[in-house]
Amino acid sequence: MEEMILTDVIAVGDALQAAVLSRMSTELRCQCIKTHSTPFHPKFIKELRVIESGPHCENSEIIVKLTNGKEVCLDPKEKWVQKVVQAFLKRAEKQDP
């Protein structure tokens, strides 16, 4: 029984490590626990949000919702992330004249 509980706790911890924290407008903390490190094509981005640094969090954060429904945080300092964001913004401009 103890092994089962420990396994459940570890599984929940692993899931939380890669997850985006739930966001509330009154919540004053960073939203990203961990950033996604593997480059991917911008066509997989459905939505993009940029949260600037401020009193709630010292880091600028980029959170994308992918076409499969997952939300992931990206490191805005990474070159591949900057390229993906620019490509997404260009695509969004074309769709919204």
N, C-alpha and C. Protein backbone atom coordinates (compact mmCIF):
# COMPACT_ATOMS: atom_id res chain seq x y z
N MET A 1 0.83 -1.19 0.00
CA MET A 1 0.00 0.00 0.00
C MET A 1 0.87 1.26 0.00
N GLU A 2 1.94 1.25 0.82
CA GLU A 2 2.83 2.41 0.89
C GLU A 2 3.53 2.63 -0.45
N GLU A 3 3.91 1.54 -1.12
CA GLU A 3 4.55 1.66 -2.43
C GLU A 3 3.61 2.31 -3.44
N MET A 4 2.34 1.96 -3.38
CA MET A 4 1.36 2.51 -4.31
C MET A 4 1.20 4.02 -4.08
N ILE A 5 1.15 4.43 -2.84
CA ILE A 5 1.02 5.86 -2.52
C ILE A 5 2.27 6.60 -2.97
N LEU A 6 3.43 6.04 -2.70
CA LEU A 6 4.69 6.67 -3.10
C LEU A 6 4.76 6.79 -4.62
N THR A 7 4.34 5.76 -5.33
CA THR A 7 4.33 5.81 -6.79
C THR A 7 3.39 6.90 -7.29
N ASP A 8 2.22 7.02 -6.67
CA ASP A 8 1.27 8.07 -7.05
C ASP A 8 1.85 9.45 -6.80
N VAL A 9 2.52 9.64 -5.68
CA VAL A 9 3.12 10.93 -5.35
C VAL A 9 4.20 11.28 -6.36
N ILE A 10 5.02 10.32 -6.73
CA ILE A 10 6.08 10.55 -7.72
C ILE A 10 5.46 10.90 -9.07
N ALA A 11 4.42 10.19 -9.47
CA ALA A 11 3.77 10.47 -10.76
C ALA A 11 3.18 11.87 -10.78
N VAL A 12 2.55 12.27 -9.69
CA VAL A 12 1.98 13.62 -9.62
C VAL A 12 3.09 14.66 -9.66
N GLY A 13 4.18 14.41 -8.95
CA GLY A 13 5.31 15.33 -8.97
C GLY A 13 5.89 15.50 -10.36
N ASP A 14 6.02 14.40 -11.08
CA ASP A 14 6.54 14.46 -12.45
C ASP A 14 5.60 15.25 -13.36
N ALA A 15 4.31 15.04 -13.19
CA ALA A 15 3.34 15.76 -14.02
C ALA A 15 3.38 17.25 -13.73
N LEU A 16 3.51 17.61 -12.47
CA LEU A 16 3.56 19.03 -12.10
C LEU A 16 4.83 19.70 -12.58
N GLN A 17 5.91 18.97 -12.62
CA GLN A 17 7.19 19.56 -13.01
C GLN A 17 7.12 20.12 -14.43
N ALA A 18 6.43 19.45 -15.32
CA ALA A 18 6.37 19.89 -16.72
C ALA A 18 5.12 20.72 -17.02
N ALA A 19 4.27 20.86 -16.04
CA ALA A 19 3.00 21.56 -16.28
C ALA A 19 3.14 23.06 -16.11
N VAL A 20 2.18 23.74 -16.66
CA VAL A 20 2.05 25.17 -16.45
C VAL A 20 1.12 25.34 -15.26
N LEU A 21 1.54 26.16 -14.29
CA LEU A 21 0.70 26.38 -13.13
C LEU A 21 -0.61 27.02 -13.53
N SER A 22 -1.66 26.71 -12.80
CA SER A 22 -2.94 27.35 -13.12
C SER A 22 -2.81 28.84 -12.89
N ARG A 23 -3.45 29.59 -13.78
CA ARG A 23 -3.30 31.04 -13.73
C ARG A 23 -4.59 31.68 -13.25
N MET A 24 -4.42 32.61 -12.34
CA MET A 24 -5.54 33.43 -11.89
C MET A 24 -5.06 34.86 -11.97
N SER A 25 -5.96 35.76 -12.31
CA SER A 25 -5.55 37.15 -12.49
C SER A 25 -5.00 37.76 -11.21
N THR A 26 -5.37 37.23 -10.07
CA THR A 26 -4.89 37.78 -8.81
C THR A 26 -3.63 37.08 -8.31
N GLU A 27 -3.20 36.06 -9.00
CA GLU A 27 -2.05 35.28 -8.56
C GLU A 27 -0.76 36.01 -8.91
N LEU A 28 0.08 36.26 -7.93
CA LEU A 28 1.31 37.01 -8.16
C LEU A 28 2.51 36.09 -8.02
N ARG A 29 2.70 35.24 -9.00
CA ARG A 29 3.88 34.36 -9.03
C ARG A 29 4.15 33.95 -10.47
N CYS A 30 5.31 33.38 -10.68
CA CYS A 30 5.67 32.90 -12.02
C CYS A 30 4.70 31.79 -12.44
N GLN A 31 4.39 31.74 -13.72
CA GLN A 31 3.47 30.75 -14.25
C GLN A 31 4.18 29.48 -14.72
N CYS A 32 5.46 29.60 -15.08
CA CYS A 32 6.19 28.47 -15.63
C CYS A 32 7.07 27.81 -14.58
N ILE A 33 6.93 26.50 -14.48
CA ILE A 33 7.78 25.72 -13.59
C ILE A 33 9.05 25.32 -14.33
N LYS A 34 8.87 24.91 -15.57
CA LYS A 34 9.96 24.41 -16.39
C LYS A 34 9.71 24.83 -17.83
N THR A 35 10.79 25.03 -18.60
CA THR A 35 10.62 25.40 -20.00
C THR A 35 10.88 24.21 -20.90
N HIS A 36 10.17 24.18 -22.02
CA HIS A 36 10.32 23.13 -23.04
C HIS A 36 11.63 23.39 -23.79
N SER A 37 12.44 22.39 -23.96
CA SER A 37 13.77 22.61 -24.54
C SER A 37 13.95 22.08 -25.96
N THR A 38 13.02 21.27 -26.45
CA THR A 38 13.17 20.69 -27.78
C THR A 38 12.52 21.59 -28.83
N PRO A 39 13.29 22.03 -29.84
CA PRO A 39 12.71 22.89 -30.88
C PRO A 39 11.59 22.18 -31.65
N PHE A 40 10.61 22.98 -32.10
CA PHE A 40 9.52 22.45 -32.91
C PHE A 40 9.08 23.53 -33.90
N HIS A 41 8.31 23.11 -34.90
CA HIS A 41 7.85 24.01 -35.96
C HIS A 41 6.73 24.90 -35.44
N PRO A 42 6.71 26.19 -35.84
CA PRO A 42 5.67 27.10 -35.37
C PRO A 42 4.25 26.72 -35.81
N LYS A 43 4.12 25.84 -36.80
CA LYS A 43 2.78 25.44 -37.24
C LYS A 43 2.02 24.70 -36.14
N PHE A 44 2.74 24.22 -35.12
CA PHE A 44 2.11 23.50 -34.03
C PHE A 44 1.58 24.43 -32.93
N ILE A 45 1.81 25.74 -33.07
CA ILE A 45 1.35 26.70 -32.07
C ILE A 45 -0.05 27.18 -32.43
N LYS A 46 -0.96 27.04 -31.50
CA LYS A 46 -2.34 27.51 -31.69
C LYS A 46 -2.51 28.90 -31.07
N GLU A 47 -1.96 29.11 -29.88
CA GLU A 47 -2.03 30.39 -29.17
C GLU A 47 -0.68 30.69 -28.55
N LEU A 48 -0.40 31.97 -28.38
CA LEU A 48 0.86 32.39 -27.78
C LEU A 48 0.59 33.53 -26.81
N ARG A 49 1.14 33.42 -25.61
CA ARG A 49 1.01 34.50 -24.61
C ARG A 49 2.40 34.86 -24.11
N VAL A 50 2.64 36.14 -23.99
CA VAL A 50 3.90 36.64 -23.43
C VAL A 50 3.55 37.35 -22.14
N ILE A 51 4.21 36.96 -21.06
CA ILE A 51 4.02 37.61 -19.77
C ILE A 51 5.35 38.27 -19.42
N GLU A 52 5.34 39.58 -19.39
CA GLU A 52 6.56 40.33 -19.09
C GLU A 52 6.94 40.16 -17.62
N SER A 53 8.21 40.34 -17.32
CA SER A 53 8.66 40.27 -15.93
C SER A 53 8.05 41.44 -15.16
N GLY A 54 7.94 41.27 -13.88
CA GLY A 54 7.36 42.31 -13.04
C GLY A 54 7.43 41.89 -11.58
N PRO A 55 6.65 42.54 -10.73
CA PRO A 55 6.71 42.20 -9.30
C PRO A 55 6.23 40.78 -9.01
N HIS A 56 5.43 40.21 -9.91
CA HIS A 56 4.91 38.86 -9.73
C HIS A 56 5.96 37.79 -10.06
N CYS A 57 6.89 38.14 -10.97
CA CYS A 57 7.89 37.16 -11.42
C CYS A 57 9.04 37.91 -12.07
N GLU A 58 10.26 37.54 -11.75
CA GLU A 58 11.41 38.24 -12.32
C GLU A 58 11.72 37.81 -13.75
N ASN A 59 11.08 36.75 -14.22
CA ASN A 59 11.34 36.22 -15.56
C ASN A 59 10.25 36.64 -16.54
N SER A 60 10.65 36.95 -17.78
CA SER A 60 9.67 37.05 -18.86
C SER A 60 9.30 35.63 -19.23
N GLU A 61 8.02 35.39 -19.51
CA GLU A 61 7.57 34.04 -19.79
C GLU A 61 6.81 34.00 -21.11
N ILE A 62 7.04 32.95 -21.87
CA ILE A 62 6.30 32.70 -23.10
C ILE A 62 5.58 31.37 -22.91
N ILE A 63 4.25 31.42 -23.02
CA ILE A 63 3.44 30.22 -22.87
C ILE A 63 2.69 30.01 -24.17
N VAL A 64 2.85 28.83 -24.76
CA VAL A 64 2.15 28.53 -26.00
C VAL A 64 1.18 27.37 -25.78
N LYS A 65 0.06 27.47 -26.47
CA LYS A 65 -0.89 26.36 -26.51
C LYS A 65 -0.69 25.70 -27.86
N LEU A 66 -0.42 24.41 -27.84
CA LEU A 66 -0.15 23.67 -29.07
C LEU A 66 -1.44 23.16 -29.69
N THR A 67 -1.34 22.74 -30.94
CA THR A 67 -2.51 22.24 -31.65
C THR A 67 -3.08 20.98 -31.00
N ASN A 68 -2.28 20.27 -30.22
CA ASN A 68 -2.78 19.08 -29.52
C ASN A 68 -3.41 19.42 -28.17
N GLY A 69 -3.48 20.72 -27.83
CA GLY A 69 -4.13 21.16 -26.60
C GLY A 69 -3.21 21.36 -25.42
N LYS A 70 -1.98 20.89 -25.51
CA LYS A 70 -1.03 21.05 -24.40
C LYS A 70 -0.54 22.49 -24.32
N GLU A 71 -0.26 22.94 -23.10
CA GLU A 71 0.38 24.24 -22.89
C GLU A 71 1.80 23.99 -22.43
N VAL A 72 2.75 24.70 -23.03
CA VAL A 72 4.15 24.57 -22.63
C VAL A 72 4.76 25.95 -22.50
N CYS A 73 5.73 26.03 -21.62
CA CYS A 73 6.48 27.27 -21.44
C CYS A 73 7.75 27.18 -22.27
N LEU A 74 8.12 28.32 -22.86
CA LEU A 74 9.34 28.39 -23.66
C LEU A 74 10.27 29.42 -23.05
N ASP A 75 11.57 29.18 -23.17
CA ASP A 75 12.57 30.11 -22.66
C ASP A 75 12.78 31.23 -23.67
N PRO A 76 12.40 32.47 -23.34
CA PRO A 76 12.51 33.56 -24.31
C PRO A 76 13.95 33.91 -24.69
N LYS A 77 14.92 33.40 -23.96
CA LYS A 77 16.33 33.69 -24.27
C LYS A 77 16.90 32.76 -25.33
N GLU A 78 16.23 31.64 -25.57
CA GLU A 78 16.71 30.66 -26.56
C GLU A 78 16.49 31.19 -27.98
N LYS A 79 17.50 31.04 -28.83
CA LYS A 79 17.40 31.51 -30.22
C LYS A 79 16.26 30.82 -30.97
N TRP A 80 16.11 29.50 -30.79
CA TRP A 80 15.07 28.79 -31.52
C TRP A 80 13.68 29.27 -31.10
N VAL A 81 13.53 29.65 -29.84
CA VAL A 81 12.24 30.15 -29.36
C VAL A 81 11.94 31.50 -30.02
N GLN A 82 12.94 32.36 -30.10
CA GLN A 82 12.76 33.66 -30.74
C GLN A 82 12.34 33.50 -32.20
N LYS A 83 12.96 32.54 -32.89
CA LYS A 83 12.61 32.29 -34.29
C LYS A 83 11.18 31.74 -34.43
N VAL A 84 10.82 30.83 -33.54
CA VAL A 84 9.48 30.24 -33.58
C VAL A 84 8.42 31.31 -33.31
N VAL A 85 8.69 32.18 -32.33
CA VAL A 85 7.74 33.25 -32.00
C VAL A 85 7.59 34.21 -33.18
N GLN A 86 8.70 34.59 -33.81
CA GLN A 86 8.63 35.49 -34.96
C GLN A 86 7.84 34.86 -36.11
N ALA A 87 8.07 33.58 -36.37
CA ALA A 87 7.34 32.89 -37.43
C ALA A 87 5.85 32.83 -37.11
N PHE A 88 5.52 32.56 -35.85
CA PHE A 88 4.11 32.52 -35.45
C PHE A 88 3.46 33.89 -35.62
N LEU A 89 4.15 34.95 -35.22
CA LEU A 89 3.60 36.30 -35.34
C LEU A 89 3.40 36.70 -36.80
N LYS A 90 4.33 36.32 -37.67
CA LYS A 90 4.16 36.60 -39.10
C LYS A 90 2.94 35.88 -39.65
N ARG A 91 2.78 34.63 -39.26
CA ARG A 91 1.63 33.84 -39.71
C ARG A 91 0.33 34.46 -39.20
N ALA A 92 0.33 34.92 -37.96
CA ALA A 92 -0.86 35.54 -37.38
C ALA A 92 -1.20 36.85 -38.09
N GLU A 93 -0.17 37.61 -38.48
CA GLU A 93 -0.39 38.86 -39.22
C GLU A 93 -1.08 38.60 -40.56
N LYS A 94 -0.65 37.56 -41.25
CA LYS A 94 -1.23 37.22 -42.55
C LYS A 94 -2.70 36.81 -42.40
N GLN A 95 -3.02 36.13 -41.31
CA GLN A 95 -4.39 35.67 -41.10
C GLN A 95 -5.30 36.80 -40.62
N ASP A 96 -4.73 37.83 -40.01
CA ASP A 96 -5.49 38.96 -39.46
C ASP A 96 -5.09 40.25 -40.17
N PRO A 97 -5.59 40.50 -41.38
CA PRO A 97 -5.15 41.69 -42.14
C PRO A 97 -5.60 42.99 -41.51
